[in-house]
């Protein structure tokens, strides 16, 4: 049961990472557009930086979940 929960967490993390990656791509394009048009891109750049930090955090969480899954699978194999 714990393994199924962690696998679900991994699936959700992957979905969130995909969405965050798409948001970063859109925000990057917005920053480029604003800059190209000579407009103030300060706030858009600030948001882009926050999105990247958030993605890094998500990736870190994903890594923790993967490590936990590996430990659970090892325990299951050892008990079989």
PDB file of N, CA and C in Angstrom:
ATOM      1  N   UNK A   1       0.822  -1.193   0.000  1.00  0.00           N
ATOM      2  CA  UNK A   1       0.000   0.000   0.000  1.00  0.00           C
ATOM      3  C   UNK A   1       0.869   1.262   0.000  1.00  0.00           C
ATOM      4  N   UNK A   2       1.897   1.263   0.820  1.00  0.00           N
ATOM      5  CA  UNK A   2       2.815   2.397   0.862  1.00  0.00           C
ATOM      6  C   UNK A   2       3.473   2.610  -0.515  1.00  0.00           C
ATOM      7  N   UNK A   3       3.837   1.506  -1.163  1.00  0.00           N
ATOM      8  CA  UNK A   3       4.468   1.607  -2.481  1.00  0.00           C
ATOM      9  C   UNK A   3       3.512   2.229  -3.491  1.00  0.00           C
ATOM     10  N   UNK A   4       2.264   1.815  -3.471  1.00  0.00           N
ATOM     11  CA  UNK A   4       1.272   2.376  -4.391  1.00  0.00           C
ATOM     12  C   UNK A   4       1.095   3.874  -4.150  1.00  0.00           C
ATOM     13  N   UNK A   5       1.098   4.267  -2.884  1.00  0.00           N
ATOM     14  CA  UNK A   5       0.987   5.689  -2.546  1.00  0.00           C
ATOM     15  C   UNK A   5       2.163   6.462  -3.123  1.00  0.00           C
ATOM     16  N   UNK A   6       3.365   5.952  -2.927  1.00  0.00           N
ATOM     17  CA  UNK A   6       4.560   6.632  -3.426  1.00  0.00           C
ATOM     18  C   UNK A   6       4.584   6.683  -4.951  1.00  0.00           C
ATOM     19  N   UNK A   7       4.133   5.629  -5.594  1.00  0.00           N
ATOM     20  CA  UNK A   7       4.066   5.624  -7.059  1.00  0.00           C
ATOM     21  C   UNK A   7       3.077   6.673  -7.550  1.00  0.00           C
ATOM     22  N   UNK A   8       1.977   6.838  -6.815  1.00  0.00           N
ATOM     23  CA  UNK A   8       1.014   7.878  -7.158  1.00  0.00           C
ATOM     24  C   UNK A   8       1.629   9.261  -6.966  1.00  0.00           C
ATOM     25  N   UNK A   9       2.404   9.424  -5.894  1.00  0.00           N
ATOM     26  CA  UNK A   9       3.092  10.692  -5.667  1.00  0.00           C
ATOM     27  C   UNK A   9       4.076  10.999  -6.792  1.00  0.00           C
ATOM     28  N   UNK A  10       4.745   9.971  -7.278  1.00  0.00           N
ATOM     29  CA  UNK A  10       5.688  10.148  -8.385  1.00  0.00           C
ATOM     30  C   UNK A  10       4.952  10.573  -9.652  1.00  0.00           C
ATOM     31  N   UNK A  11       3.835   9.931  -9.913  1.00  0.00           N
ATOM     32  CA  UNK A  11       3.030  10.297 -11.090  1.00  0.00           C
ATOM     33  C   UNK A  11       2.589  11.754 -10.992  1.00  0.00           C
ATOM     34  N   UNK A  12       2.110  12.142  -9.824  1.00  0.00           N
ATOM     35  CA  UNK A  12       1.671  13.526  -9.630  1.00  0.00           C
ATOM     36  C   UNK A  12       2.833  14.504  -9.761  1.00  0.00           C
ATOM     37  N   UNK A  13       3.971  14.143  -9.211  1.00  0.00           N
ATOM     38  CA  UNK A  13       5.150  15.005  -9.329  1.00  0.00           C
ATOM     39  C   UNK A  13       5.531  15.187 -10.793  1.00  0.00           C
ATOM     40  N   UNK A  14       5.503  14.107 -11.561  1.00  0.00           N
ATOM     41  CA  UNK A  14       5.839  14.195 -12.984  1.00  0.00           C
ATOM     42  C   UNK A  14       4.858  15.102 -13.728  1.00  0.00           C
ATOM     43  N   UNK A  15       3.580  15.000 -13.384  1.00  0.00           N
ATOM     44  CA  UNK A  15       2.575  15.863 -14.019  1.00  0.00           C
ATOM     45  C   UNK A  15       2.841  17.332 -13.687  1.00  0.00           C
ATOM     46  N   UNK A  16       3.131  17.598 -12.430  1.00  0.00           N
ATOM     47  CA  UNK A  16       3.389  18.981 -12.005  1.00  0.00           C
ATOM     48  C   UNK A  16       4.663  19.525 -12.646  1.00  0.00           C
ATOM     49  N   UNK A  17       5.658  18.683 -12.769  1.00  0.00           N
ATOM     50  CA  UNK A  17       6.914  19.102 -13.409  1.00  0.00           C
ATOM     51  C   UNK A  17       6.669  19.436 -14.877  1.00  0.00           C
ATOM     52  N   UNK A  18       5.860  18.636 -15.538  1.00  0.00           N
ATOM     53  CA  UNK A  18       5.535  18.909 -16.947  1.00  0.00           C
ATOM     54  C   UNK A  18       4.803  20.241 -17.082  1.00  0.00           C
ATOM     55  N   UNK A  19       3.847  20.496 -16.202  1.00  0.00           N
ATOM     56  CA  UNK A  19       3.122  21.769 -16.238  1.00  0.00           C
ATOM     57  C   UNK A  19       4.050  22.941 -15.944  1.00  0.00           C
ATOM     58  N   UNK A  20       4.913  22.782 -14.963  1.00  0.00           N
ATOM     59  CA  UNK A  20       5.849  23.851 -14.613  1.00  0.00           C
ATOM     60  C   UNK A  20       6.809  24.136 -15.763  1.00  0.00           C
ATOM     61  N   UNK A  21       7.255  23.093 -16.428  1.00  0.00           N
ATOM     62  CA  UNK A  21       8.158  23.262 -17.569  1.00  0.00           C
ATOM     63  C   UNK A  21       7.470  24.034 -18.688  1.00  0.00           C
ATOM     64  N   UNK A  22       6.210  23.729 -18.935  1.00  0.00           N
ATOM     65  CA  UNK A  22       5.448  24.456 -19.955  1.00  0.00           C
ATOM     66  C   UNK A  22       5.252  25.917 -19.554  1.00  0.00           C
ATOM     67  N   UNK A  23       4.970  26.153 -18.287  1.00  0.00           N
ATOM     68  CA  UNK A  23       4.810  27.541 -17.814  1.00  0.00           C
ATOM     69  C   UNK A  23       6.104  28.325 -17.968  1.00  0.00           C
ATOM     70  N   UNK A  24       7.212  27.686 -17.668  1.00  0.00           N
ATOM     71  CA  UNK A  24       8.513  28.347 -17.805  1.00  0.00           C
ATOM     72  C   UNK A  24       8.773  28.692 -19.266  1.00  0.00           C
ATOM     73  N   UNK A  25       8.432  27.794 -20.159  1.00  0.00           N
ATOM     74  CA  UNK A  25       8.623  28.074 -21.595  1.00  0.00           C
ATOM     75  C   UNK A  25       7.783  29.274 -22.027  1.00  0.00           C
ATOM     76  N   UNK A  26       6.528  29.332 -21.573  1.00  0.00           N
ATOM     77  CA  UNK A  26       5.664  30.470 -21.930  1.00  0.00           C
ATOM     78  C   UNK A  26       6.188  31.771 -21.328  1.00  0.00           C
ATOM     79  N   UNK A  27       6.633  31.699 -20.070  1.00  0.00           N
ATOM     80  CA  UNK A  27       7.126  32.900 -19.413  1.00  0.00           C
ATOM     81  C   UNK A  27       8.432  33.372 -20.046  1.00  0.00           C
ATOM     82  N   UNK A  28       9.269  32.442 -20.451  1.00  0.00           N
ATOM     83  CA  UNK A  28      10.516  32.793 -21.135  1.00  0.00           C
ATOM     84  C   UNK A  28      10.210  33.534 -22.424  1.00  0.00           C
ATOM     85  N   UNK A  29       9.236  33.039 -23.155  1.00  0.00           N
ATOM     86  CA  UNK A  29       8.851  33.700 -24.404  1.00  0.00           C
ATOM     87  C   UNK A  29       8.277  35.087 -24.138  1.00  0.00           C
ATOM     88  N   UNK A  30       7.504  35.223 -23.074  1.00  0.00           N
ATOM     89  CA  UNK A  30       6.963  36.530 -22.716  1.00  0.00           C
ATOM     90  C   UNK A  30       8.084  37.515 -22.387  1.00  0.00           C
ATOM     91  N   UNK A  31       9.064  37.074 -21.622  1.00  0.00           N
ATOM     92  CA  UNK A  31      10.205  37.943 -21.292  1.00  0.00           C
ATOM     93  C   UNK A  31      10.921  38.364 -22.571  1.00  0.00           C
ATOM     94  N   UNK A  32      11.130  37.429 -23.473  1.00  0.00           N
ATOM     95  CA  UNK A  32      11.786  37.765 -24.756  1.00  0.00           C
ATOM     96  C   UNK A  32      10.984  38.796 -25.542  1.00  0.00           C
ATOM     97  N   UNK A  33       9.668  38.579 -25.596  1.00  0.00           N
ATOM     98  CA  UNK A  33       8.797  39.491 -26.334  1.00  0.00           C
ATOM     99  C   UNK A  33       8.831  40.891 -25.726  1.00  0.00           C
ATOM    100  N   UNK A  34       8.686  40.958 -24.411  1.00  0.00           N
ATOM    101  CA  UNK A  34       8.718  42.267 -23.742  1.00  0.00           C
ATOM    102  C   UNK A  34      10.051  42.971 -23.979  1.00  0.00           C
ATOM    103  N   UNK A  35      11.134  42.243 -23.875  1.00  0.00           N
ATOM    104  CA  UNK A  35      12.466  42.806 -24.079  1.00  0.00           C
ATOM    105  C   UNK A  35      12.635  43.284 -25.519  1.00  0.00           C
ATOM    106  N   UNK A  36      12.215  42.441 -26.461  1.00  0.00           N
ATOM    107  CA  UNK A  36      12.325  42.791 -27.884  1.00  0.00           C
ATOM    108  C   UNK A  36      11.532  44.056 -28.211  1.00  0.00           C
ATOM    109  N   UNK A  37      10.382  44.216 -27.533  1.00  0.00           N
ATOM    110  CA  UNK A  37       9.543  45.385 -27.777  1.00  0.00           C
ATOM    111  C   UNK A  37       9.973  46.614 -26.984  1.00  0.00           C
ATOM    112  N   UNK A  38      11.040  46.459 -26.211  1.00  0.00           N
ATOM    113  CA  UNK A  38      11.548  47.577 -25.440  1.00  0.00           C
ATOM    114  C   UNK A  38      10.715  47.896 -24.203  1.00  0.00           C
ATOM    115  N   UNK A  39       9.906  46.948 -23.770  1.00  0.00           N
ATOM    116  CA  UNK A  39       9.047  47.165 -22.603  1.00  0.00           C
ATOM    117  C   UNK A  39       9.738  46.651 -21.344  1.00  0.00           C
ATOM    118  N   UNK A  40       9.257  47.087 -20.209  1.00  0.00           N
ATOM    119  CA  UNK A  40       9.827  46.677 -18.923  1.00  0.00           C
ATOM    120  C   UNK A  40       9.469  45.215 -18.653  1.00  0.00           C
ATOM    121  N   UNK A  41      10.489  44.392 -18.551  1.00  0.00           N
ATOM    122  CA  UNK A  41      10.293  42.965 -18.327  1.00  0.00           C
ATOM    123  C   UNK A  41      10.692  42.550 -16.910  1.00  0.00           C
ATOM    124  N   UNK A  42      10.862  43.539 -16.027  1.00  0.00           N
ATOM    125  CA  UNK A  42      11.350  43.252 -14.680  1.00  0.00           C
ATOM    126  C   UNK A  42      10.461  42.265 -13.938  1.00  0.00           C
ATOM    127  N   UNK A  43       9.185  42.525 -13.885  1.00  0.00           N
ATOM    128  CA  UNK A  43       8.262  41.642 -13.150  1.00  0.00           C
ATOM    129  C   UNK A  43       8.129  40.288 -13.833  1.00  0.00           C
ATOM    130  N   UNK A  44       8.115  40.292 -15.143  1.00  0.00           N
ATOM    131  CA  UNK A  44       8.034  39.021 -15.875  1.00  0.00           C
ATOM    132  C   UNK A  44       9.285  38.185 -15.620  1.00  0.00           C
ATOM    133  N   UNK A  45      10.432  38.834 -15.557  1.00  0.00           N
ATOM    134  CA  UNK A  45      11.688  38.141 -15.264  1.00  0.00           C
ATOM    135  C   UNK A  45      11.691  37.619 -13.837  1.00  0.00           C
ATOM    136  N   UNK A  46      11.152  38.417 -12.918  1.00  0.00           N
ATOM    137  CA  UNK A  46      11.070  38.001 -11.512  1.00  0.00           C
ATOM    138  C   UNK A  46      10.201  36.745 -11.381  1.00  0.00           C
ATOM    139  N   UNK A  47       9.063  36.745 -12.066  1.00  0.00           N
ATOM    140  CA  UNK A  47       8.187  35.576 -12.048  1.00  0.00           C
ATOM    141  C   UNK A  47       8.891  34.366 -12.651  1.00  0.00           C
ATOM    142  N   UNK A  48       9.601  34.576 -13.739  1.00  0.00           N
ATOM    143  CA  UNK A  48      10.342  33.484 -14.368  1.00  0.00           C
ATOM    144  C   UNK A  48      11.358  32.885 -13.394  1.00  0.00           C
ATOM    145  N   UNK A  49      12.037  33.715 -12.666  1.00  0.00           N
ATOM    146  CA  UNK A  49      12.998  33.222 -11.675  1.00  0.00           C
ATOM    147  C   UNK A  49      12.305  32.391 -10.601  1.00  0.00           C
ATOM    148  N   UNK A  50      11.154  32.858 -10.138  1.00  0.00           N
ATOM    149  CA  UNK A  50      10.395  32.104  -9.131  1.00  0.00           C
ATOM    150  C   UNK A  50       9.902  30.769  -9.680  1.00  0.00           C
ATOM    151  N   UNK A  51       9.471  30.774 -10.922  1.00  0.00           N
ATOM    152  CA  UNK A  51       9.026  29.523 -11.546  1.00  0.00           C
ATOM    153  C   UNK A  51      10.169  28.521 -11.618  1.00  0.00           C
ATOM    154  N   UNK A  52      11.358  29.002 -11.928  1.00  0.00           N
ATOM    155  CA  UNK A  52      12.525  28.103 -12.002  1.00  0.00           C
ATOM    156  C   UNK A  52      12.893  27.545 -10.632  1.00  0.00           C
ATOM    157  N   UNK A  53      12.823  28.381  -9.606  1.00  0.00           N
ATOM    158  CA  UNK A  53      13.093  27.910  -8.249  1.00  0.00           C
ATOM    159  C   UNK A  53      12.057  26.859  -7.855  1.00  0.00           C
ATOM    160  N   UNK A  54      10.811  27.121  -8.189  1.00  0.00           N
ATOM    161  CA  UNK A  54       9.746  26.173  -7.881  1.00  0.00           C
ATOM    162  C   UNK A  54       9.978  24.849  -8.598  1.00  0.00           C
ATOM    163  N   UNK A  55      10.378  24.905  -9.855  1.00  0.00           N
ATOM    164  CA  UNK A  55      10.667  23.681 -10.598  1.00  0.00           C
ATOM    165  C   UNK A  55      11.821  22.919  -9.952  1.00  0.00           C
ATOM    166  N   UNK A  56      12.847  23.623  -9.540  1.00  0.00           N
ATOM    167  CA  UNK A  56      13.972  22.970  -8.855  1.00  0.00           C
ATOM    168  C   UNK A  56      13.496  22.250  -7.591  1.00  0.00           C
ATOM    169  N   UNK A  57      12.598  22.895  -6.856  1.00  0.00           N
ATOM    170  CA  UNK A  57      12.044  22.287  -5.651  1.00  0.00           C
ATOM    171  C   UNK A  57      11.240  21.042  -5.997  1.00  0.00           C
ATOM    172  N   UNK A  58      10.444  21.133  -7.055  1.00  0.00           N
ATOM    173  CA  UNK A  58       9.664  19.978  -7.495  1.00  0.00           C
ATOM    174  C   UNK A  58      10.572  18.814  -7.886  1.00  0.00           C
ATOM    175  N   UNK A  59      11.648  19.131  -8.577  1.00  0.00           N
ATOM    176  CA  UNK A  59      12.589  18.088  -8.984  1.00  0.00           C
ATOM    177  C   UNK A  59      13.241  17.436  -7.763  1.00  0.00           C
ATOM    178  N   UNK A  60      13.553  18.244  -6.770  1.00  0.00           N
ATOM    179  CA  UNK A  60      14.111  17.698  -5.542  1.00  0.00           C
ATOM    180  C   UNK A  60      13.131  16.769  -4.851  1.00  0.00           C
ATOM    181  N   UNK A  61      11.873  17.179  -4.777  1.00  0.00           N
ATOM    182  CA  UNK A  61      10.844  16.343  -4.178  1.00  0.00           C
ATOM    183  C   UNK A  61      10.699  15.037  -4.954  1.00  0.00           C
ATOM    184  N   UNK A  62      10.723  15.138  -6.274  1.00  0.00           N
ATOM    185  CA  UNK A  62      10.615  13.939  -7.108  1.00  0.00           C
ATOM    186  C   UNK A  62      11.742  12.961  -6.785  1.00  0.00           C
ATOM    187  N   UNK A  63      12.935  13.496  -6.612  1.00  0.00           N
ATOM    188  CA  UNK A  63      14.075  12.650  -6.270  1.00  0.00           C
ATOM    189  C   UNK A  63      13.882  11.927  -4.946  1.00  0.00           C
ATOM    190  N   UNK A  64      13.321  12.615  -3.966  1.00  0.00           N
ATOM    191  CA  UNK A  64      13.044  12.001  -2.667  1.00  0.00           C
ATOM    192  C   UNK A  64      12.030  10.870  -2.836  1.00  0.00           C
ATOM    193  N   UNK A  65      11.003  11.104  -3.622  1.00  0.00           N
ATOM    194  CA  UNK A  65       9.978  10.079  -3.844  1.00  0.00           C
ATOM    195  C   UNK A  65      10.599   8.867  -4.527  1.00  0.00           C
ATOM    196  N   UNK A  66      11.428   9.096  -5.531  1.00  0.00           N
ATOM    197  CA  UNK A  66      12.080   7.982  -6.230  1.00  0.00           C
ATOM    198  C   UNK A  66      12.946   7.178  -5.262  1.00  0.00           C
ATOM    199  N   UNK A  67      13.702   7.867  -4.425  1.00  0.00           N
ATOM    200  CA  UNK A  67      14.533   7.164  -3.441  1.00  0.00           C
ATOM    201  C   UNK A  67      13.672   6.327  -2.494  1.00  0.00           C
ATOM    202  N   UNK A  68      12.547   6.878  -2.092  1.00  0.00           N
ATOM    203  CA  UNK A  68      11.657   6.147  -1.197  1.00  0.00           C
ATOM    204  C   UNK A  68      11.082   4.908  -1.894  1.00  0.00           C
ATOM    205  N   UNK A  69      10.713   5.050  -3.147  1.00  0.00           N
ATOM    206  CA  UNK A  69      10.194   3.905  -3.910  1.00  0.00           C
ATOM    207  C   UNK A  69      11.254   2.813  -3.999  1.00  0.00           C
ATOM    208  N   UNK A  70      12.478   3.208  -4.266  1.00  0.00           N
ATOM    209  CA  UNK A  70      13.572   2.227  -4.366  1.00  0.00           C
ATOM    210  C   UNK A  70      13.725   1.472  -3.052  1.00  0.00           C
ATOM    211  N   UNK A  71      13.699   2.198  -1.934  1.00  0.00           N
ATOM    212  CA  UNK A  71      13.822   1.539  -0.624  1.00  0.00           C
ATOM    213  C   UNK A  71      12.663   0.572  -0.376  1.00  0.00           C
ATOM    214  N   UNK A  72      11.453   1.008  -0.709  1.00  0.00           N
ATOM    215  CA  UNK A  72      10.282   0.145  -0.509  1.00  0.00           C
ATOM    216  C   UNK A  72      10.354  -1.101  -1.388  1.00  0.00           C
ATOM    217  N   UNK A  73      10.805  -0.938  -2.620  1.00  0.00           N
ATOM    218  CA  UNK A  73      10.915  -2.096  -3.517  1.00  0.00           C
ATOM    219  C   UNK A  73      11.992  -3.056  -3.026  1.00  0.00           C
ATOM    220  N   UNK A  74      13.097  -2.528  -2.503  1.00  0.00           N
ATOM    221  CA  UNK A  74      14.147  -3.389  -1.948  1.00  0.00           C
ATOM    222  C   UNK A  74      13.618  -4.207  -0.768  1.00  0.00           C
ATOM    223  N   UNK A  75      12.899  -3.518   0.127  1.00  0.00           N
ATOM    224  CA  UNK A  75      12.326  -4.219   1.282  1.00  0.00           C
ATOM    225  C   UNK A  75      11.373  -5.325   0.844  1.00  0.00           C
ATOM    226  N   UNK A  76      10.573  -5.011  -0.170  1.00  0.00           N
ATOM    227  CA  UNK A  76       9.611  -6.007  -0.655  1.00  0.00           C
ATOM    228  C   UNK A  76      10.345  -7.213  -1.237  1.00  0.00           C
ATOM    229  N   UNK A  77      11.412  -6.967  -2.004  1.00  0.00           N
ATOM    230  CA  UNK A  77      12.184  -8.058  -2.588  1.00  0.00           C
ATOM    231  C   UNK A  77      12.878  -8.886  -1.504  1.00  0.00           C
ATOM    232  N   UNK A  78      13.379  -8.220  -0.470  1.00  0.00           N
ATOM    233  CA  UNK A  78      14.056  -8.921   0.617  1.00  0.00           C
ATOM    234  C   UNK A  78      13.102  -9.791   1.421  1.00  0.00           C
ATOM    235  N   UNK A  79      11.846  -9.374   1.494  1.00  0.00           N
ATOM    236  CA  UNK A  79      10.885 -10.145   2.295  1.00  0.00           C
ATOM    237  C   UNK A  79      10.254 -11.271   1.504  1.00  0.00           C
ATOM    238  N   UNK A  80      10.445 -11.278   0.190  1.00  0.00           N
ATOM    239  CA  UNK A  80       9.865 -12.350  -0.653  1.00  0.00           C
ATOM    240  C   UNK A  80      10.666 -13.636  -0.562  1.00  0.00           C
TER     241      UNK A  80
END
